[in-house]
Amino acid sequence: MDDVGLHRLADRQFGATPVSERVVEQGKIITAAGVSAGIDMALRLVARIAGDDVARGIQLGIEYDPAPPFDTGSPQKAPAYIVDLVRQTLEQMRAAYVVPAA
């Protein structure tokens, strides 16, 4: 796996390179970076399989019209203290799931 859409504050734990795109398509593999990006990815897949109009209909059906209340959806836009807070939280979560070596 090469470039992937994944949480921008994640590390390269799985041998993938995080990129800034919300949805990354590489052959048969499509990845998304976050919850709403997962919806974007699903709509792309639907468009690929069933056509743009079906995807548009689904988008309307789920009333997917994002309007986030804050413009902090990437580390480049968020204040440094928020980026640090999220990084620390992710590290703590990751540490809780690490299995110690036997």
Protein backbone atom coordinates (compact mmCIF):
# COMPACT_ATOMS: atom_id res chain seq x y z
CA MET A 1 0.00 0.00 0.00
CA ASP A 2 1.32 3.43 -0.89
CA ASP A 3 -0.54 6.68 -0.24
CA VAL A 4 -3.66 6.45 1.87
CA GLY A 5 -6.31 8.76 3.16
CA LEU A 6 -6.15 8.35 6.90
CA HIS A 7 -6.19 10.50 9.96
CA ARG A 8 -3.52 13.10 9.28
CA LEU A 9 -2.17 12.83 12.80
CA ALA A 10 -1.73 9.06 12.55
CA ASP A 11 1.69 7.56 12.11
CA ARG A 12 2.99 5.25 9.41
CA GLN A 13 2.29 2.20 11.55
CA PHE A 14 0.95 0.10 8.66
CA GLY A 15 3.52 1.09 6.06
CA ALA A 16 1.26 3.65 4.44
CA THR A 17 2.03 7.28 3.71
CA PRO A 18 -0.68 9.69 4.87
CA VAL A 19 -1.60 12.31 2.27
CA SER A 20 -3.80 15.38 2.44
CA GLU A 21 -6.55 14.08 0.16
CA ARG A 22 -9.78 13.09 1.91
CA VAL A 23 -10.26 10.10 -0.38
CA VAL A 24 -7.43 8.26 -2.13
CA GLU A 25 -8.01 5.80 -4.97
CA GLN A 26 -5.21 3.43 -5.96
CA GLY A 27 -6.43 0.68 -8.22
CA LYS A 28 -8.87 -1.53 -6.32
CA ILE A 29 -8.09 0.13 -2.99
CA ILE A 30 -9.89 3.25 -1.82
CA THR A 31 -9.21 4.80 1.59
CA ALA A 32 -10.75 7.73 3.43
CA ALA A 33 -9.51 10.04 6.16
CA GLY A 34 -12.23 10.40 8.75
CA VAL A 35 -15.94 10.01 9.28
CA SER A 36 -17.30 12.45 6.70
CA ALA A 37 -14.56 11.40 4.26
CA GLY A 38 -15.95 7.89 4.63
CA ILE A 39 -19.26 9.17 3.34
CA ASP A 40 -17.41 10.89 0.48
CA MET A 41 -15.69 7.59 -0.30
CA ALA A 42 -18.98 5.67 -0.22
CA LEU A 43 -20.56 8.16 -2.63
CA ARG A 44 -17.56 7.79 -4.98
CA LEU A 45 -17.95 4.01 -4.88
CA VAL A 46 -21.66 4.26 -5.62
CA ALA A 47 -20.94 6.62 -8.51
CA ARG A 48 -18.34 4.21 -9.86
CA ILE A 49 -20.72 1.23 -9.62
CA ALA A 50 -24.15 2.72 -10.32
CA GLY A 51 -23.49 6.16 -11.82
CA ASP A 52 -23.37 9.76 -10.68
CA ASP A 53 -27.13 10.24 -10.53
CA VAL A 54 -27.59 7.32 -8.13
CA ALA A 55 -24.82 8.73 -5.92
CA ARG A 56 -26.42 12.17 -6.05
CA GLY A 57 -29.75 10.63 -5.08
CA ILE A 58 -28.18 8.88 -2.10
CA GLN A 59 -26.48 12.10 -1.04
CA LEU A 60 -29.85 13.85 -1.15
CA GLY A 61 -31.55 10.93 0.61
CA ILE A 62 -29.17 11.13 3.57
CA GLU A 63 -29.19 14.94 3.41
CA TYR A 64 -25.40 14.99 3.32
CA ASP A 65 -24.61 18.69 3.07
CA PRO A 66 -21.73 19.27 5.48
CA ALA A 67 -21.35 22.64 7.10
CA PRO A 68 -18.91 22.19 10.00
CA PRO A 69 -19.14 24.73 12.81
CA PHE A 70 -15.35 25.11 13.01
CA ASP A 71 -12.67 25.38 10.34
CA THR A 72 -10.26 23.03 12.11
CA GLY A 73 -10.57 19.95 9.92
CA SER A 74 -6.84 19.59 9.27
CA PRO A 75 -3.66 20.20 11.26
CA GLN A 76 -2.86 23.09 8.93
CA LYS A 77 -6.07 24.89 9.91
CA ALA A 78 -6.32 24.02 13.60
CA PRO A 79 -4.55 26.00 16.33
CA ALA A 80 -1.31 24.34 17.47
CA TYR A 81 -2.65 23.63 20.96
CA ILE A 82 -5.60 21.69 19.49
CA VAL A 83 -3.26 19.70 17.23
CA ASP A 84 -1.10 18.88 20.27
CA LEU A 85 -4.14 17.86 22.30
CA VAL A 86 -5.37 15.51 19.58
CA ARG A 87 -1.91 14.00 19.09
CA GLN A 88 -1.59 13.36 22.83
CA THR A 89 -5.04 11.78 22.94
CA LEU A 90 -4.28 9.53 19.98
CA GLU A 91 -1.01 8.45 21.58
CA GLN A 92 -2.79 7.59 24.82
CA MET A 93 -5.41 5.60 22.92
CA ARG A 94 -2.74 3.79 20.91
CA ALA A 95 -0.78 2.95 24.07
CA ALA A 96 -3.90 1.45 25.63
CA TYR A 97 -4.14 -1.04 22.74
CA VAL A 98 -0.48 -2.00 22.46
CA VAL A 99 0.16 -5.55 23.56
CA PRO A 100 3.43 -5.83 25.49
CA ALA A 101 6.03 -8.15 23.99
CA ALA A 102 6.12 -11.56 25.64
